[in-house]
Amino acid sequence: MEERPLFSGDMLVLYTDGISESFNDAGEEFGEGRLIEVLVRHHDLPSLTLLGVIVDEVRQFSRREQNDDITLIVAKCVGT
C-alpha cells in the first residue's frame, strides 16, 4: 500500500468498473480516458454536482440500460 498526502484543491475519485466499462451501441468502452476528460472539464464543480455530471455523461454515452452497478465517490480537499 502506498500513501500520498492530499492538499487543498486535490480531488480523489473512486469508482467501480460500471463507470469505465460502460459500452455504447458501437461497442466502445467509456474508459478511463473519457472519465479523465470529464474530470478535467468540470473540476471546478462541487463534489456532488461533479458526481451527477459523471453519471449523466456515462448514461449519455451508453444510451442503454446499465447492466453493471455504478459506485462513485468524489471527494475534494478544501482549506489551507
PDB file of N, CA and C in Angstrom:
ATOM      1  N   MET A   1       0.841  -1.157   0.000  1.00  0.00           N
ATOM      2  CA  MET A   1       0.000   0.000   0.000  1.00  0.00           C
ATOM      3  C   MET A   1       0.897   1.234   0.000  1.00  0.00           C
ATOM      4  N   GLU A   2       0.447   2.234  -0.739  1.00  0.00           N
ATOM      5  CA  GLU A   2       1.189   3.478  -0.845  1.00  0.00           C
ATOM      6  C   GLU A   2       0.356   4.619  -0.267  1.00  0.00           C
ATOM      7  N   GLU A   3       1.000   5.502   0.445  1.00  0.00           N
ATOM      8  CA  GLU A   3       0.321   6.675   0.994  1.00  0.00           C
ATOM      9  C   GLU A   3       0.777   7.910   0.239  1.00  0.00           C
ATOM     10  N   ARG A   4      -0.171   8.811   0.016  1.00  0.00           N
ATOM     11  CA  ARG A   4       0.143  10.091  -0.621  1.00  0.00           C
ATOM     12  C   ARG A   4      -0.596  11.191   0.129  1.00  0.00           C
ATOM     13  N   PRO A   5       0.078  12.288   0.377  1.00  0.00           N
ATOM     14  CA  PRO A   5      -0.612  13.397   1.043  1.00  0.00           C
ATOM     15  C   PRO A   5      -1.577  14.070   0.072  1.00  0.00           C
ATOM     16  N   LEU A   6      -2.650  14.588   0.609  1.00  0.00           N
ATOM     17  CA  LEU A   6      -3.605  15.361  -0.181  1.00  0.00           C
ATOM     18  C   LEU A   6      -3.539  16.808   0.274  1.00  0.00           C
ATOM     19  N   PHE A   7      -3.637  17.702  -0.697  1.00  0.00           N
ATOM     20  CA  PHE A   7      -3.522  19.125  -0.415  1.00  0.00           C
ATOM     21  C   PHE A   7      -4.784  19.847  -0.861  1.00  0.00           C
ATOM     22  N   SER A   8      -4.946  21.057  -0.388  1.00  0.00           N
ATOM     23  CA  SER A   8      -6.092  21.868  -0.781  1.00  0.00           C
ATOM     24  C   SER A   8      -6.171  21.940  -2.305  1.00  0.00           C
ATOM     25  N   GLY A   9      -7.340  21.661  -2.836  1.00  0.00           N
ATOM     26  CA  GLY A   9      -7.544  21.662  -4.283  1.00  0.00           C
ATOM     27  C   GLY A   9      -7.437  20.288  -4.918  1.00  0.00           C
ATOM     28  N   ASP A  10      -6.885  19.314  -4.189  1.00  0.00           N
ATOM     29  CA  ASP A  10      -6.797  17.953  -4.723  1.00  0.00           C
ATOM     30  C   ASP A  10      -8.174  17.304  -4.750  1.00  0.00           C
ATOM     31  N   MET A  11      -8.324  16.345  -5.646  1.00  0.00           N
ATOM     32  CA  MET A  11      -9.588  15.626  -5.776  1.00  0.00           C
ATOM     33  C   MET A  11      -9.288  14.131  -5.783  1.00  0.00           C
ATOM     34  N   LEU A  12     -10.100  13.375  -5.070  1.00  0.00           N
ATOM     35  CA  LEU A  12      -9.986  11.925  -5.029  1.00  0.00           C
ATOM     36  C   LEU A  12     -11.259  11.353  -5.627  1.00  0.00           C
ATOM     37  N   VAL A  13     -11.120  10.505  -6.652  1.00  0.00           N
ATOM     38  CA  VAL A  13     -12.271   9.899  -7.313  1.00  0.00           C
ATOM     39  C   VAL A  13     -12.103   8.388  -7.256  1.00  0.00           C
ATOM     40  N   LEU A  14     -13.053   7.726  -6.628  1.00  0.00           N
ATOM     41  CA  LEU A  14     -13.075   6.268  -6.548  1.00  0.00           C
ATOM     42  C   LEU A  14     -14.303   5.786  -7.302  1.00  0.00           C
ATOM     43  N   TYR A  15     -14.130   4.747  -8.131  1.00  0.00           N
ATOM     44  CA  TYR A  15     -15.251   4.279  -8.942  1.00  0.00           C
ATOM     45  C   TYR A  15     -15.108   2.795  -9.239  1.00  0.00           C
ATOM     46  N   THR A  16     -16.243   2.167  -9.505  1.00  0.00           N
ATOM     47  CA  THR A  16     -16.230   0.769  -9.914  1.00  0.00           C
ATOM     48  C   THR A  16     -16.221   0.682 -11.434  1.00  0.00           C
ATOM     49  N   ASP A  17     -16.031  -0.516 -11.932  1.00  0.00           N
ATOM     50  CA  ASP A  17     -15.942  -0.706 -13.384  1.00  0.00           C
ATOM     51  C   ASP A  17     -17.259  -0.456 -14.105  1.00  0.00           C
ATOM     52  N   GLY A  18     -18.344  -0.244 -13.374  1.00  0.00           N
ATOM     53  CA  GLY A  18     -19.603   0.132 -14.016  1.00  0.00           C
ATOM     54  C   GLY A  18     -19.497   1.479 -14.711  1.00  0.00           C
ATOM     55  N   ILE A  19     -18.546   2.297 -14.284  1.00  0.00           N
ATOM     56  CA  ILE A  19     -18.276   3.581 -14.940  1.00  0.00           C
ATOM     57  C   ILE A  19     -17.392   3.355 -16.163  1.00  0.00           C
ATOM     58  N   SER A  20     -16.211   2.842 -15.947  1.00  0.00           N
ATOM     59  CA  SER A  20     -15.217   2.750 -17.023  1.00  0.00           C
ATOM     60  C   SER A  20     -15.558   1.693 -18.071  1.00  0.00           C
ATOM     61  N   GLU A  21     -16.297   0.659 -17.700  1.00  0.00           N
ATOM     62  CA  GLU A  21     -16.612  -0.418 -18.640  1.00  0.00           C
ATOM     63  C   GLU A  21     -18.041  -0.346 -19.167  1.00  0.00           C
ATOM     64  N   SER A  22     -18.595   0.845 -19.198  1.00  0.00           N
ATOM     65  CA  SER A  22     -19.904   1.057 -19.808  1.00  0.00           C
ATOM     66  C   SER A  22     -19.701   1.169 -21.320  1.00  0.00           C
ATOM     67  N   PHE A  23     -20.488   0.423 -22.092  1.00  0.00           N
ATOM     68  CA  PHE A  23     -20.325   0.373 -23.547  1.00  0.00           C
ATOM     69  C   PHE A  23     -21.458   1.086 -24.267  1.00  0.00           C
ATOM     70  N   ASN A  24     -21.147   1.644 -25.434  1.00  0.00           N
ATOM     71  CA  ASN A  24     -22.185   2.227 -26.280  1.00  0.00           C
ATOM     72  C   ASN A  24     -22.605   1.210 -27.342  1.00  0.00           C
ATOM     73  N   ASP A  25     -23.526   1.601 -28.219  1.00  0.00           N
ATOM     74  CA  ASP A  25     -24.035   0.681 -29.245  1.00  0.00           C
ATOM     75  C   ASP A  25     -22.965   0.246 -30.237  1.00  0.00           C
ATOM     76  N   ALA A  26     -21.915   1.033 -30.391  1.00  0.00           N
ATOM     77  CA  ALA A  26     -20.818   0.688 -31.306  1.00  0.00           C
ATOM     78  C   ALA A  26     -19.802  -0.248 -30.650  1.00  0.00           C
ATOM     79  N   GLY A  27     -20.047  -0.593 -29.384  1.00  0.00           N
ATOM     80  CA  GLY A  27     -19.136  -1.481 -28.675  1.00  0.00           C
ATOM     81  C   GLY A  27     -17.936  -0.781 -28.068  1.00  0.00           C
ATOM     82  N   GLU A  28     -17.957   0.566 -28.071  1.00  0.00           N
ATOM     83  CA  GLU A  28     -16.860   1.327 -27.478  1.00  0.00           C
ATOM     84  C   GLU A  28     -17.059   1.428 -25.970  1.00  0.00           C
ATOM     85  N   GLU A  29     -15.965   1.356 -25.253  1.00  0.00           N
ATOM     86  CA  GLU A  29     -15.982   1.459 -23.806  1.00  0.00           C
ATOM     87  C   GLU A  29     -15.850   2.923 -23.389  1.00  0.00           C
ATOM     88  N   PHE A  30     -16.572   3.319 -22.337  1.00  0.00           N
ATOM     89  CA  PHE A  30     -16.429   4.687 -21.829  1.00  0.00           C
ATOM     90  C   PHE A  30     -14.979   4.934 -21.439  1.00  0.00           C
ATOM     91  N   GLY A  31     -14.411   4.046 -20.677  1.00  0.00           N
ATOM     92  CA  GLY A  31     -12.983   4.054 -20.381  1.00  0.00           C
ATOM     93  C   GLY A  31     -12.510   5.146 -19.441  1.00  0.00           C
ATOM     94  N   GLU A  32     -11.290   4.962 -18.980  1.00  0.00           N
ATOM     95  CA  GLU A  32     -10.684   5.928 -18.067  1.00  0.00           C
ATOM     96  C   GLU A  32     -10.380   7.250 -18.767  1.00  0.00           C
ATOM     97  N   GLY A  33     -10.043   7.195 -20.041  1.00  0.00           N
ATOM     98  CA  GLY A  33      -9.732   8.423 -20.779  1.00  0.00           C
ATOM     99  C   GLY A  33     -10.898   9.384 -20.806  1.00  0.00           C
ATOM    100  N   ARG A  34     -12.090   8.866 -21.093  1.00  0.00           N
ATOM    101  CA  ARG A  34     -13.281   9.724 -21.105  1.00  0.00           C
ATOM    102  C   ARG A  34     -13.595  10.235 -19.700  1.00  0.00           C
ATOM    103  N   LEU A  35     -13.407   9.383 -18.709  1.00  0.00           N
ATOM    104  CA  LEU A  35     -13.638   9.808 -17.328  1.00  0.00           C
ATOM    105  C   LEU A  35     -12.693  10.961 -16.967  1.00  0.00           C
ATOM    106  N   ILE A  36     -11.440  10.835 -17.328  1.00  0.00           N
ATOM    107  CA  ILE A  36     -10.473  11.901 -17.047  1.00  0.00           C
ATOM    108  C   ILE A  36     -10.866  13.183 -17.773  1.00  0.00           C
ATOM    109  N   GLU A  37     -11.331  13.070 -19.014  1.00  0.00           N
ATOM    110  CA  GLU A  37     -11.777  14.253 -19.759  1.00  0.00           C
ATOM    111  C   GLU A  37     -12.917  14.965 -19.034  1.00  0.00           C
ATOM    112  N   VAL A  38     -13.870  14.197 -18.520  1.00  0.00           N
ATOM    113  CA  VAL A  38     -14.992  14.785 -17.775  1.00  0.00           C
ATOM    114  C   VAL A  38     -14.465  15.483 -16.521  1.00  0.00           C
ATOM    115  N   LEU A  39     -13.556  14.841 -15.816  1.00  0.00           N
ATOM    116  CA  LEU A  39     -12.998  15.428 -14.594  1.00  0.00           C
ATOM    117  C   LEU A  39     -12.241  16.721 -14.885  1.00  0.00           C
ATOM    118  N   VAL A  40     -11.487  16.746 -15.957  1.00  0.00           N
ATOM    119  CA  VAL A  40     -10.733  17.953 -16.314  1.00  0.00           C
ATOM    120  C   VAL A  40     -11.682  19.088 -16.694  1.00  0.00           C
ATOM    121  N   ARG A  41     -12.711  18.760 -17.493  1.00  0.00           N
ATOM    122  CA  ARG A  41     -13.663  19.792 -17.934  1.00  0.00           C
ATOM    123  C   ARG A  41     -14.455  20.390 -16.784  1.00  0.00           C
ATOM    124  N   HIS A  42     -14.755  19.583 -15.782  1.00  0.00           N
ATOM    125  CA  HIS A  42     -15.678  20.013 -14.724  1.00  0.00           C
ATOM    126  C   HIS A  42     -15.040  20.023 -13.335  1.00  0.00           C
ATOM    127  N   HIS A  43     -13.723  20.108 -13.253  1.00  0.00           N
ATOM    128  CA  HIS A  43     -13.028  20.017 -11.969  1.00  0.00           C
ATOM    129  C   HIS A  43     -13.433  21.102 -10.971  1.00  0.00           C
ATOM    130  N   ASP A  44     -13.971  22.209 -11.469  1.00  0.00           N
ATOM    131  CA  ASP A  44     -14.320  23.323 -10.586  1.00  0.00           C
ATOM    132  C   ASP A  44     -15.686  23.164  -9.915  1.00  0.00           C
ATOM    133  N   LEU A  45     -16.447  22.158 -10.301  1.00  0.00           N
ATOM    134  CA  LEU A  45     -17.776  21.939  -9.716  1.00  0.00           C
ATOM    135  C   LEU A  45     -17.663  21.340  -8.317  1.00  0.00           C
ATOM    136  N   PRO A  46     -18.667  21.568  -7.468  1.00  0.00           N
ATOM    137  CA  PRO A  46     -18.703  20.892  -6.171  1.00  0.00           C
ATOM    138  C   PRO A  46     -18.778  19.373  -6.362  1.00  0.00           C
ATOM    139  N   SER A  47     -18.316  18.631  -5.388  1.00  0.00           N
ATOM    140  CA  SER A  47     -18.242  17.168  -5.481  1.00  0.00           C
ATOM    141  C   SER A  47     -19.564  16.528  -5.880  1.00  0.00           C
ATOM    142  N   LEU A  48     -20.648  16.911  -5.220  1.00  0.00           N
ATOM    143  CA  LEU A  48     -21.944  16.298  -5.505  1.00  0.00           C
ATOM    144  C   LEU A  48     -22.399  16.588  -6.930  1.00  0.00           C
ATOM    145  N   THR A  49     -22.187  17.803  -7.384  1.00  0.00           N
ATOM    146  CA  THR A  49     -22.555  18.170  -8.754  1.00  0.00           C
ATOM    147  C   THR A  49     -21.703  17.403  -9.752  1.00  0.00           C
ATOM    148  N   LEU A  50     -20.410  17.307  -9.493  1.00  0.00           N
ATOM    149  CA  LEU A  50     -19.499  16.576 -10.372  1.00  0.00           C
ATOM    150  C   LEU A  50     -19.886  15.106 -10.456  1.00  0.00           C
ATOM    151  N   LEU A  51     -20.270  14.527  -9.341  1.00  0.00           N
ATOM    152  CA  LEU A  51     -20.727  13.138  -9.332  1.00  0.00           C
ATOM    153  C   LEU A  51     -21.900  12.963 -10.293  1.00  0.00           C
ATOM    154  N   GLY A  52     -22.873  13.854 -10.235  1.00  0.00           N
ATOM    155  CA  GLY A  52     -24.024  13.789 -11.130  1.00  0.00           C
ATOM    156  C   GLY A  52     -23.639  13.958 -12.585  1.00  0.00           C
ATOM    157  N   VAL A  53     -22.690  14.853 -12.860  1.00  0.00           N
ATOM    158  CA  VAL A  53     -22.228  15.073 -14.234  1.00  0.00           C
ATOM    159  C   VAL A  53     -21.581  13.800 -14.780  1.00  0.00           C
ATOM    160  N   ILE A  54     -20.762  13.142 -13.983  1.00  0.00           N
ATOM    161  CA  ILE A  54     -20.106  11.906 -14.427  1.00  0.00           C
ATOM    162  C   ILE A  54     -21.144  10.847 -14.765  1.00  0.00           C
ATOM    163  N   VAL A  55     -22.100  10.635 -13.878  1.00  0.00           N
ATOM    164  CA  VAL A  55     -23.140   9.626 -14.126  1.00  0.00           C
ATOM    165  C   VAL A  55     -23.938   9.983 -15.375  1.00  0.00           C
ATOM    166  N   ASP A  56     -24.283  11.253 -15.543  1.00  0.00           N
ATOM    167  CA  ASP A  56     -25.008  11.689 -16.746  1.00  0.00           C
ATOM    168  C   ASP A  56     -24.196  11.434 -18.008  1.00  0.00           C
ATOM    169  N   GLU A  57     -22.900  11.724 -17.976  1.00  0.00           N
ATOM    170  CA  GLU A  57     -22.037  11.501 -19.142  1.00  0.00           C
ATOM    171  C   GLU A  57     -21.982  10.016 -19.507  1.00  0.00           C
ATOM    172  N   VAL A  58     -21.887   9.158 -18.505  1.00  0.00           N
ATOM    173  CA  VAL A  58     -21.860   7.709 -18.764  1.00  0.00           C
ATOM    174  C   VAL A  58     -23.182   7.269 -19.376  1.00  0.00           C
ATOM    175  N   ARG A  59     -24.289   7.745 -18.840  1.00  0.00           N
ATOM    176  CA  ARG A  59     -25.611   7.374 -19.377  1.00  0.00           C
ATOM    177  C   ARG A  59     -25.806   7.882 -20.801  1.00  0.00           C
ATOM    178  N   GLN A  60     -25.384   9.115 -21.075  1.00  0.00           N
ATOM    179  CA  GLN A  60     -25.500   9.656 -22.433  1.00  0.00           C
ATOM    180  C   GLN A  60     -24.615   8.886 -23.404  1.00  0.00           C
ATOM    181  N   PHE A  61     -23.458   8.465 -22.943  1.00  0.00           N
ATOM    182  CA  PHE A  61     -22.537   7.711 -23.788  1.00  0.00           C
ATOM    183  C   PHE A  61     -23.118   6.349 -24.150  1.00  0.00           C
ATOM    184  N   SER A  62     -23.627   5.638 -23.156  1.00  0.00           N
ATOM    185  CA  SER A  62     -24.087   4.265 -23.399  1.00  0.00           C
ATOM    186  C   SER A  62     -25.481   4.214 -24.013  1.00  0.00           C
ATOM    187  N   ARG A  63     -26.331   5.163 -23.646  1.00  0.00           N
ATOM    188  CA  ARG A  63     -27.705   5.226 -24.169  1.00  0.00           C
ATOM    189  C   ARG A  63     -28.436   3.880 -24.091  1.00  0.00           C
ATOM    190  N   ARG A  64     -28.167   3.157 -23.047  1.00  0.00           N
ATOM    191  CA  ARG A  64     -28.839   1.880 -22.822  1.00  0.00           C
ATOM    192  C   ARG A  64     -28.937   1.637 -21.318  1.00  0.00           C
ATOM    193  N   GLU A  65     -29.702   0.634 -20.957  1.00  0.00           N
ATOM    194  CA  GLU A  65     -29.829   0.307 -19.540  1.00  0.00           C
ATOM    195  C   GLU A  65     -28.484  -0.172 -19.006  1.00  0.00           C
ATOM    196  N   GLN A  66     -28.135   0.308 -17.829  1.00  0.00           N
ATOM    197  CA  GLN A  66     -26.864  -0.063 -17.207  1.00  0.00           C
ATOM    198  C   GLN A  66     -26.938  -1.502 -16.725  1.00  0.00           C
ATOM    199  N   ASN A  67     -26.016  -2.354 -17.189  1.00  0.00           N
ATOM    200  CA  ASN A  67     -26.001  -3.766 -16.792  1.00  0.00           C
ATOM    201  C   ASN A  67     -25.162  -4.012 -15.548  1.00  0.00           C
ATOM    202  N   ASP A  68     -24.280  -3.090 -15.244  1.00  0.00           N
ATOM    203  CA  ASP A  68     -23.382  -3.249 -14.106  1.00  0.00           C
ATOM    204  C   ASP A  68     -23.673  -2.137 -13.100  1.00  0.00           C
ATOM    205  N   ASP A  69     -23.399  -2.430 -11.841  1.00  0.00           N
ATOM    206  CA  ASP A  69     -23.625  -1.403 -10.823  1.00  0.00           C
ATOM    207  C   ASP A  69     -22.601  -0.281 -10.975  1.00  0.00           C
ATOM    208  N   ILE A  70     -22.989   0.889 -10.524  1.00  0.00           N
ATOM    209  CA  ILE A  70     -22.089   2.040 -10.520  1.00  0.00           C
ATOM    210  C   ILE A  70     -21.925   2.503  -9.078  1.00  0.00           C
ATOM    211  N   THR A  71     -20.690   2.510  -8.629  1.00  0.00           N
ATOM    212  CA  THR A  71     -20.363   3.109  -7.347  1.00  0.00           C
ATOM    213  C   THR A  71     -19.337   4.194  -7.627  1.00  0.00           C
ATOM    214  N   LEU A  72     -19.595   5.383  -7.110  1.00  0.00           N
ATOM    215  CA  LEU A  72     -18.747   6.527  -7.424  1.00  0.00           C
ATOM    216  C   LEU A  72     -18.633   7.416  -6.192  1.00  0.00           C
ATOM    217  N   ILE A  73     -17.403   7.737  -5.830  1.00  0.00           N
ATOM    218  CA  ILE A  73     -17.136   8.647  -4.719  1.00  0.00           C
ATOM    219  C   ILE A  73     -16.246   9.766  -5.241  1.00  0.00           C
ATOM    220  N   VAL A  74     -16.670  10.997  -5.027  1.00  0.00           N
ATOM    221  CA  VAL A  74     -15.868  12.163  -5.406  1.00  0.00           C
ATOM    222  C   VAL A  74     -15.632  12.976  -4.138  1.00  0.00           C
ATOM    223  N   ALA A  75     -14.368  13.154  -3.781  1.00  0.00           N
ATOM    224  CA  ALA A  75     -14.015  13.930  -2.593  1.00  0.00           C
ATOM    225  C   ALA A  75     -12.985  14.982  -2.975  1.00  0.00           C
ATOM    226  N   LYS A  76     -13.211  16.196  -2.514  1.00  0.00           N
ATOM    227  CA  LYS A  76     -12.278  17.288  -2.786  1.00  0.00           C
ATOM    228  C   LYS A  76     -11.700  17.793  -1.471  1.00  0.00           C
ATOM    229  N   CYS A  77     -10.422  18.100  -1.492  1.00  0.00           N
ATOM    230  CA  CYS A  77      -9.764  18.673  -0.318  1.00  0.00           C
ATOM    231  C   CYS A  77      -9.918  20.188  -0.371  1.00  0.00           C
ATOM    232  N   VAL A  78     -10.434  20.740   0.696  1.00  0.00           N
ATOM    233  CA  VAL A  78     -10.619  22.189   0.772  1.00  0.00           C
ATOM    234  C   VAL A  78      -9.880  22.719   1.994  1.00  0.00           C
ATOM    235  N   GLY A  79      -9.652  23.989   2.008  1.00  0.00           N
ATOM    236  CA  GLY A  79      -8.981  24.600   3.153  1.00  0.00           C
ATOM    237  C   GLY A  79      -7.545  24.933   2.833  1.00  0.00           C
ATOM    238  N   THR A  80      -6.805  25.242   3.872  1.00  0.00           N
ATOM    239  CA  THR A  80      -5.415  25.669   3.666  1.00  0.00           C
ATOM    240  C   THR A  80      -4.439  24.572   3.954  1.00  0.00           C
TER     241      THR A  80
END
